[in-house]
Amino acid sequence: MEVRELICIGCPLGCPLTVKIDGDQMDVSGNTCKRGDDYARKEVLSPTRIVTSSVHVAGGAIEMVSVKTKEDIPKGKIFEIMDEIRQVTIPAPVAIGDVVIADCAGTGVPVIATKNVAKA
């Protein structure tokens, strides 16, 4: 039996979770709401993350703009996504929500700008 200890991020309570895995059976305890159970199962079976970073802006009032993946991506794809993000330079102006990379690292998830950048 494998036991994993997690802190739930499903709500502000931050419940300490214990996940017991025995073959294909999983038992979650410590959660005070359904979101804790959902989070623990997802984190153990198929962990995902939102990736945040920044990209260069050509001709902008500032040199970099913050970006993030629009949705969760598989945790194992983080380094591929970061490699692709590092290679990008976008022209100013940039608006919040602009798509910087349409399909990052073959995940089908776009990378979007999270800040406005005016032309210099």
N, C-alpha and C. Protein backbone atom coordinates (compact mmCIF):
# COMPACT_ATOMS: atom_id res chain seq x y z
N MET A 1 0.85 -1.19 0.00
CA MET A 1 0.00 0.00 0.00
C MET A 1 0.89 1.24 0.00
N GLU A 2 0.55 2.16 -0.87
CA GLU A 2 1.27 3.44 -0.93
C GLU A 2 0.42 4.50 -0.24
N VAL A 3 1.07 5.38 0.52
CA VAL A 3 0.37 6.47 1.20
C VAL A 3 1.02 7.78 0.78
N ARG A 4 0.19 8.73 0.36
CA ARG A 4 0.67 10.06 -0.01
C ARG A 4 -0.03 11.11 0.83
N GLU A 5 0.75 12.07 1.27
CA GLU A 5 0.22 13.20 2.04
C GLU A 5 0.20 14.42 1.13
N LEU A 6 -0.95 15.10 1.05
CA LEU A 6 -1.11 16.29 0.22
C LEU A 6 -1.77 17.39 1.02
N ILE A 7 -1.62 18.61 0.54
CA ILE A 7 -2.39 19.74 1.06
C ILE A 7 -3.33 20.16 -0.05
N CYS A 8 -4.60 20.17 0.23
CA CYS A 8 -5.60 20.49 -0.78
C CYS A 8 -5.52 21.96 -1.17
N ILE A 9 -5.65 22.22 -2.48
CA ILE A 9 -5.67 23.60 -2.97
C ILE A 9 -7.04 23.92 -3.59
N GLY A 10 -8.04 23.09 -3.30
CA GLY A 10 -9.37 23.27 -3.88
C GLY A 10 -10.14 24.45 -3.32
N CYS A 11 -9.82 24.86 -2.11
CA CYS A 11 -10.47 26.01 -1.48
C CYS A 11 -9.50 26.61 -0.45
N PRO A 12 -9.84 27.71 0.17
CA PRO A 12 -8.92 28.37 1.11
C PRO A 12 -8.60 27.60 2.39
N LEU A 13 -9.33 26.53 2.70
CA LEU A 13 -9.08 25.81 3.95
C LEU A 13 -7.73 25.09 3.97
N GLY A 14 -7.26 24.60 2.83
CA GLY A 14 -5.97 23.91 2.78
C GLY A 14 -5.94 22.66 3.64
N CYS A 15 -6.92 21.80 3.48
CA CYS A 15 -7.01 20.59 4.30
C CYS A 15 -5.82 19.66 4.05
N PRO A 16 -5.29 19.06 5.13
CA PRO A 16 -4.25 18.03 4.96
C PRO A 16 -4.93 16.72 4.53
N LEU A 17 -4.54 16.21 3.38
CA LEU A 17 -5.16 15.01 2.82
C LEU A 17 -4.22 13.82 2.93
N THR A 18 -4.79 12.65 3.16
CA THR A 18 -4.05 11.40 3.12
C THR A 18 -4.69 10.54 2.04
N VAL A 19 -3.86 10.10 1.10
CA VAL A 19 -4.35 9.26 0.02
C VAL A 19 -3.69 7.90 0.17
N LYS A 20 -4.51 6.86 0.31
CA LYS A 20 -4.01 5.49 0.42
C LYS A 20 -4.33 4.78 -0.89
N ILE A 21 -3.29 4.24 -1.53
CA ILE A 21 -3.44 3.57 -2.82
C ILE A 21 -3.06 2.10 -2.64
N ASP A 22 -4.00 1.25 -2.95
CA ASP A 22 -3.76 -0.19 -2.85
C ASP A 22 -4.26 -0.82 -4.15
N GLY A 23 -3.33 -1.06 -5.09
CA GLY A 23 -3.71 -1.57 -6.40
C GLY A 23 -4.52 -0.54 -7.15
N ASP A 24 -5.74 -0.89 -7.53
CA ASP A 24 -6.59 0.08 -8.23
C ASP A 24 -7.60 0.73 -7.29
N GLN A 25 -7.44 0.52 -5.99
CA GLN A 25 -8.30 1.14 -4.98
C GLN A 25 -7.62 2.37 -4.40
N MET A 26 -8.40 3.45 -4.22
CA MET A 26 -7.85 4.68 -3.65
C MET A 26 -8.81 5.19 -2.58
N ASP A 27 -8.25 5.53 -1.42
CA ASP A 27 -9.04 6.07 -0.32
C ASP A 27 -8.47 7.43 0.05
N VAL A 28 -9.33 8.46 0.05
CA VAL A 28 -8.92 9.82 0.40
C VAL A 28 -9.55 10.18 1.73
N SER A 29 -8.73 10.71 2.64
CA SER A 29 -9.27 11.16 3.93
C SER A 29 -8.65 12.51 4.28
N GLY A 30 -9.31 13.22 5.19
CA GLY A 30 -8.84 14.53 5.65
C GLY A 30 -9.54 15.68 4.97
N ASN A 31 -10.24 15.43 3.87
CA ASN A 31 -10.93 16.51 3.17
C ASN A 31 -12.24 16.86 3.90
N THR A 32 -12.58 18.15 3.84
CA THR A 32 -13.84 18.59 4.46
C THR A 32 -14.91 18.88 3.42
N CYS A 33 -14.54 18.75 2.12
CA CYS A 33 -15.53 18.95 1.07
C CYS A 33 -15.19 18.05 -0.13
N LYS A 34 -16.10 17.98 -1.06
CA LYS A 34 -15.94 17.14 -2.25
C LYS A 34 -14.74 17.58 -3.09
N ARG A 35 -14.46 18.88 -3.10
CA ARG A 35 -13.33 19.37 -3.90
C ARG A 35 -12.01 18.76 -3.45
N GLY A 36 -11.88 18.49 -2.16
CA GLY A 36 -10.66 17.85 -1.65
C GLY A 36 -10.49 16.45 -2.19
N ASP A 37 -11.56 15.70 -2.22
CA ASP A 37 -11.51 14.35 -2.77
C ASP A 37 -11.17 14.39 -4.27
N ASP A 38 -11.82 15.29 -4.99
CA ASP A 38 -11.56 15.43 -6.43
C ASP A 38 -10.11 15.82 -6.69
N TYR A 39 -9.61 16.80 -5.92
CA TYR A 39 -8.23 17.26 -6.09
C TYR A 39 -7.25 16.12 -5.85
N ALA A 40 -7.43 15.39 -4.77
CA ALA A 40 -6.49 14.32 -4.41
C ALA A 40 -6.45 13.25 -5.49
N ARG A 41 -7.59 12.84 -5.98
CA ARG A 41 -7.64 11.81 -7.02
C ARG A 41 -6.97 12.28 -8.30
N LYS A 42 -7.24 13.52 -8.68
CA LYS A 42 -6.62 14.08 -9.90
C LYS A 42 -5.10 14.20 -9.71
N GLU A 43 -4.68 14.66 -8.57
CA GLU A 43 -3.25 14.87 -8.32
C GLU A 43 -2.48 13.54 -8.32
N VAL A 44 -3.08 12.50 -7.84
CA VAL A 44 -2.42 11.20 -7.79
C VAL A 44 -2.46 10.50 -9.15
N LEU A 45 -3.60 10.56 -9.83
CA LEU A 45 -3.77 9.82 -11.08
C LEU A 45 -3.24 10.57 -12.31
N SER A 46 -3.46 11.87 -12.37
CA SER A 46 -3.09 12.63 -13.56
C SER A 46 -2.82 14.08 -13.18
N PRO A 47 -1.67 14.36 -12.58
CA PRO A 47 -1.40 15.73 -12.11
C PRO A 47 -1.26 16.72 -13.26
N THR A 48 -1.83 17.89 -13.07
CA THR A 48 -1.76 18.97 -14.06
C THR A 48 -1.36 20.26 -13.37
N ARG A 49 -0.90 21.20 -14.18
CA ARG A 49 -0.49 22.50 -13.65
C ARG A 49 -0.81 23.60 -14.65
N ILE A 50 -0.97 24.82 -14.15
CA ILE A 50 -0.97 26.03 -14.97
C ILE A 50 0.48 26.49 -14.98
N VAL A 51 1.02 26.79 -16.16
CA VAL A 51 2.40 27.26 -16.25
C VAL A 51 2.38 28.77 -16.45
N THR A 52 3.17 29.49 -15.66
CA THR A 52 3.32 30.93 -15.81
C THR A 52 4.77 31.26 -16.14
N SER A 53 4.96 32.27 -16.96
CA SER A 53 6.31 32.66 -17.36
C SER A 53 6.24 34.05 -17.96
N SER A 54 7.22 34.39 -18.77
CA SER A 54 7.22 35.66 -19.49
C SER A 54 7.91 35.48 -20.84
N VAL A 55 7.54 36.33 -21.79
CA VAL A 55 8.16 36.30 -23.11
C VAL A 55 8.64 37.70 -23.48
N HIS A 56 9.60 37.76 -24.39
CA HIS A 56 10.14 39.04 -24.87
C HIS A 56 9.12 39.76 -25.73
N VAL A 57 9.12 41.10 -25.63
CA VAL A 57 8.25 41.94 -26.44
C VAL A 57 9.14 42.85 -27.29
N ALA A 58 8.97 42.78 -28.60
CA ALA A 58 9.73 43.64 -29.52
C ALA A 58 9.01 44.97 -29.67
N GLY A 59 9.72 46.06 -29.41
CA GLY A 59 9.15 47.40 -29.58
C GLY A 59 8.14 47.79 -28.52
N GLY A 60 8.22 47.17 -27.36
CA GLY A 60 7.28 47.46 -26.29
C GLY A 60 7.80 48.46 -25.28
N ALA A 61 6.89 49.04 -24.52
CA ALA A 61 7.26 49.97 -23.46
C ALA A 61 8.06 49.26 -22.37
N ILE A 62 7.87 47.95 -22.24
CA ILE A 62 8.69 47.11 -21.36
C ILE A 62 9.19 45.93 -22.19
N GLU A 63 10.25 45.30 -21.73
CA GLU A 63 10.91 44.25 -22.52
C GLU A 63 10.23 42.89 -22.47
N MET A 64 9.46 42.63 -21.42
CA MET A 64 8.85 41.31 -21.23
C MET A 64 7.37 41.47 -20.89
N VAL A 65 6.60 40.42 -21.21
CA VAL A 65 5.20 40.37 -20.82
C VAL A 65 4.96 39.04 -20.13
N SER A 66 4.16 39.07 -19.07
CA SER A 66 3.82 37.83 -18.37
C SER A 66 2.81 37.04 -19.19
N VAL A 67 2.96 35.71 -19.14
CA VAL A 67 2.08 34.80 -19.87
C VAL A 67 1.73 33.60 -18.99
N LYS A 68 0.69 32.87 -19.39
CA LYS A 68 0.32 31.64 -18.69
C LYS A 68 -0.40 30.73 -19.66
N THR A 69 -0.42 29.43 -19.31
CA THR A 69 -1.24 28.52 -20.10
C THR A 69 -2.70 28.82 -19.76
N LYS A 70 -3.54 28.78 -20.76
CA LYS A 70 -4.96 29.12 -20.55
C LYS A 70 -5.66 28.10 -19.68
N GLU A 71 -5.17 26.85 -19.72
CA GLU A 71 -5.75 25.76 -18.94
C GLU A 71 -4.62 24.93 -18.32
N ASP A 72 -5.01 24.01 -17.47
CA ASP A 72 -4.04 23.06 -16.92
C ASP A 72 -3.41 22.25 -18.04
N ILE A 73 -2.15 21.92 -17.86
CA ILE A 73 -1.44 21.04 -18.79
C ILE A 73 -0.90 19.85 -18.00
N PRO A 74 -0.63 18.74 -18.66
CA PRO A 74 -0.04 17.62 -17.93
C PRO A 74 1.30 18.02 -17.31
N LYS A 75 1.49 17.67 -16.07
CA LYS A 75 2.70 18.05 -15.33
C LYS A 75 3.98 17.64 -16.07
N GLY A 76 3.96 16.51 -16.74
CA GLY A 76 5.13 16.02 -17.47
C GLY A 76 5.51 16.84 -18.68
N LYS A 77 4.66 17.78 -19.09
CA LYS A 77 4.93 18.62 -20.26
C LYS A 77 5.53 19.98 -19.90
N ILE A 78 5.73 20.25 -18.62
CA ILE A 78 6.18 21.58 -18.19
C ILE A 78 7.49 21.99 -18.86
N PHE A 79 8.49 21.11 -18.90
CA PHE A 79 9.78 21.50 -19.47
C PHE A 79 9.68 21.75 -20.97
N GLU A 80 8.88 20.96 -21.68
CA GLU A 80 8.67 21.20 -23.12
C GLU A 80 8.00 22.55 -23.35
N ILE A 81 7.01 22.85 -22.54
CA ILE A 81 6.31 24.13 -22.65
C ILE A 81 7.24 25.29 -22.38
N MET A 82 8.06 25.17 -21.33
CA MET A 82 9.01 26.24 -21.02
C MET A 82 10.03 26.42 -22.14
N ASP A 83 10.49 25.34 -22.75
CA ASP A 83 11.42 25.44 -23.88
C ASP A 83 10.80 26.23 -25.02
N GLU A 84 9.53 25.97 -25.30
CA GLU A 84 8.85 26.67 -26.39
C GLU A 84 8.63 28.14 -26.03
N ILE A 85 8.22 28.42 -24.80
CA ILE A 85 7.99 29.79 -24.36
C ILE A 85 9.27 30.62 -24.45
N ARG A 86 10.41 30.04 -24.07
CA ARG A 86 11.68 30.77 -24.10
C ARG A 86 12.07 31.25 -25.49
N GLN A 87 11.57 30.60 -26.52
CA GLN A 87 11.96 30.94 -27.89
C GLN A 87 11.09 32.04 -28.51
N VAL A 88 10.06 32.48 -27.81
CA VAL A 88 9.08 33.40 -28.39
C VAL A 88 9.43 34.86 -28.12
N THR A 89 9.27 35.68 -29.17
CA THR A 89 9.28 37.15 -29.06
C THR A 89 8.04 37.63 -29.80
N ILE A 90 7.24 38.47 -29.14
CA ILE A 90 6.02 38.98 -29.79
C ILE A 90 6.13 40.48 -29.98
N PRO A 91 5.47 41.01 -31.00
CA PRO A 91 5.51 42.46 -31.24
C PRO A 91 4.52 43.21 -30.36
N ALA A 92 4.89 44.42 -29.97
CA ALA A 92 3.97 45.29 -29.23
C ALA A 92 2.99 45.90 -30.23
N PRO A 93 1.81 46.27 -29.84
CA PRO A 93 1.25 46.19 -28.49
C PRO A 93 0.73 44.79 -28.17
N VAL A 94 0.65 44.52 -26.87
CA VAL A 94 0.13 43.25 -26.38
C VAL A 94 -1.02 43.56 -25.42
N ALA A 95 -2.10 42.79 -25.55
CA ALA A 95 -3.26 42.98 -24.67
C ALA A 95 -3.48 41.71 -23.84
N ILE A 96 -4.02 41.90 -22.66
CA ILE A 96 -4.36 40.76 -21.81
C ILE A 96 -5.26 39.82 -22.60
N GLY A 97 -4.92 38.55 -22.59
CA GLY A 97 -5.72 37.55 -23.30
C GLY A 97 -5.24 37.25 -24.70
N ASP A 98 -4.31 38.06 -25.24
CA ASP A 98 -3.76 37.77 -26.57
C ASP A 98 -3.12 36.39 -26.56
N VAL A 99 -3.35 35.62 -27.62
CA VAL A 99 -2.74 34.31 -27.74
C VAL A 99 -1.30 34.49 -28.20
N VAL A 100 -0.38 34.01 -27.39
CA VAL A 100 1.05 34.12 -27.68
C VAL A 100 1.53 32.87 -28.43
N ILE A 101 1.06 31.70 -27.99
CA ILE A 101 1.33 30.43 -28.66
C ILE A 101 -0.01 29.70 -28.73
N ALA A 102 -0.45 29.33 -29.93
CA ALA A 102 -1.78 28.74 -30.09
C ALA A 102 -1.88 27.32 -29.52
N ASP A 103 -0.87 26.50 -29.75
CA ASP A 103 -0.89 25.10 -29.30
C ASP A 103 0.50 24.81 -28.74
N CYS A 104 0.66 25.04 -27.47
CA CYS A 104 2.00 24.93 -26.87
C CYS A 104 2.39 23.48 -26.64
N ALA A 105 3.51 23.10 -27.19
CA ALA A 105 4.12 21.77 -27.01
C ALA A 105 3.16 20.63 -27.35
N GLY A 106 2.28 20.86 -28.29
CA GLY A 106 1.38 19.81 -28.72
C GLY A 106 0.31 19.43 -27.71
N THR A 107 0.05 20.28 -26.73
CA THR A 107 -0.94 19.99 -25.70
C THR A 107 -2.35 20.41 -26.12
N GLY A 108 -2.44 21.26 -27.15
CA GLY A 108 -3.72 21.82 -27.53
C GLY A 108 -4.12 23.01 -26.68
N VAL A 109 -3.26 23.39 -25.74
CA VAL A 109 -3.54 24.48 -24.82
C VAL A 109 -2.76 25.72 -25.26
N PRO A 110 -3.46 26.87 -25.41
CA PRO A 110 -2.75 28.09 -25.78
C PRO A 110 -2.05 28.74 -24.59
N VAL A 111 -1.02 29.51 -24.91
CA VAL A 111 -0.37 30.37 -23.93
C VAL A 111 -0.86 31.78 -24.22
N ILE A 112 -1.33 32.48 -23.18
CA ILE A 112 -1.91 33.81 -23.36
C ILE A 112 -1.18 34.86 -22.53
N ALA A 113 -1.24 36.10 -22.99
CA ALA A 113 -0.66 37.22 -22.25
C ALA A 113 -1.52 37.55 -21.05
N THR A 114 -0.87 37.94 -19.95
CA THR A 114 -1.61 38.29 -18.73
C THR A 114 -1.37 39.74 -18.33
N LYS A 115 -0.83 40.53 -19.27
CA LYS A 115 -0.55 41.94 -19.00
C LYS A 115 -0.63 42.71 -20.30
N ASN A 116 -0.99 43.97 -20.22
CA ASN A 116 -0.96 44.85 -21.38
C ASN A 116 0.42 45.46 -21.53
N VAL A 117 0.92 45.52 -22.77
CA VAL A 117 2.18 46.21 -23.03
C VAL A 117 1.97 47.11 -24.24
N ALA A 118 2.18 48.41 -24.03
CA ALA A 118 2.02 49.40 -25.11
C ALA A 118 3.29 49.43 -25.97
N LYS A 119 3.16 50.03 -27.15
CA LYS A 119 4.33 50.26 -27.98
C LYS A 119 5.22 51.30 -27.31
N ALA A 120 6.51 51.17 -27.57
CA ALA A 120 7.47 52.11 -26.98
C ALA A 120 7.35 53.48 -27.62
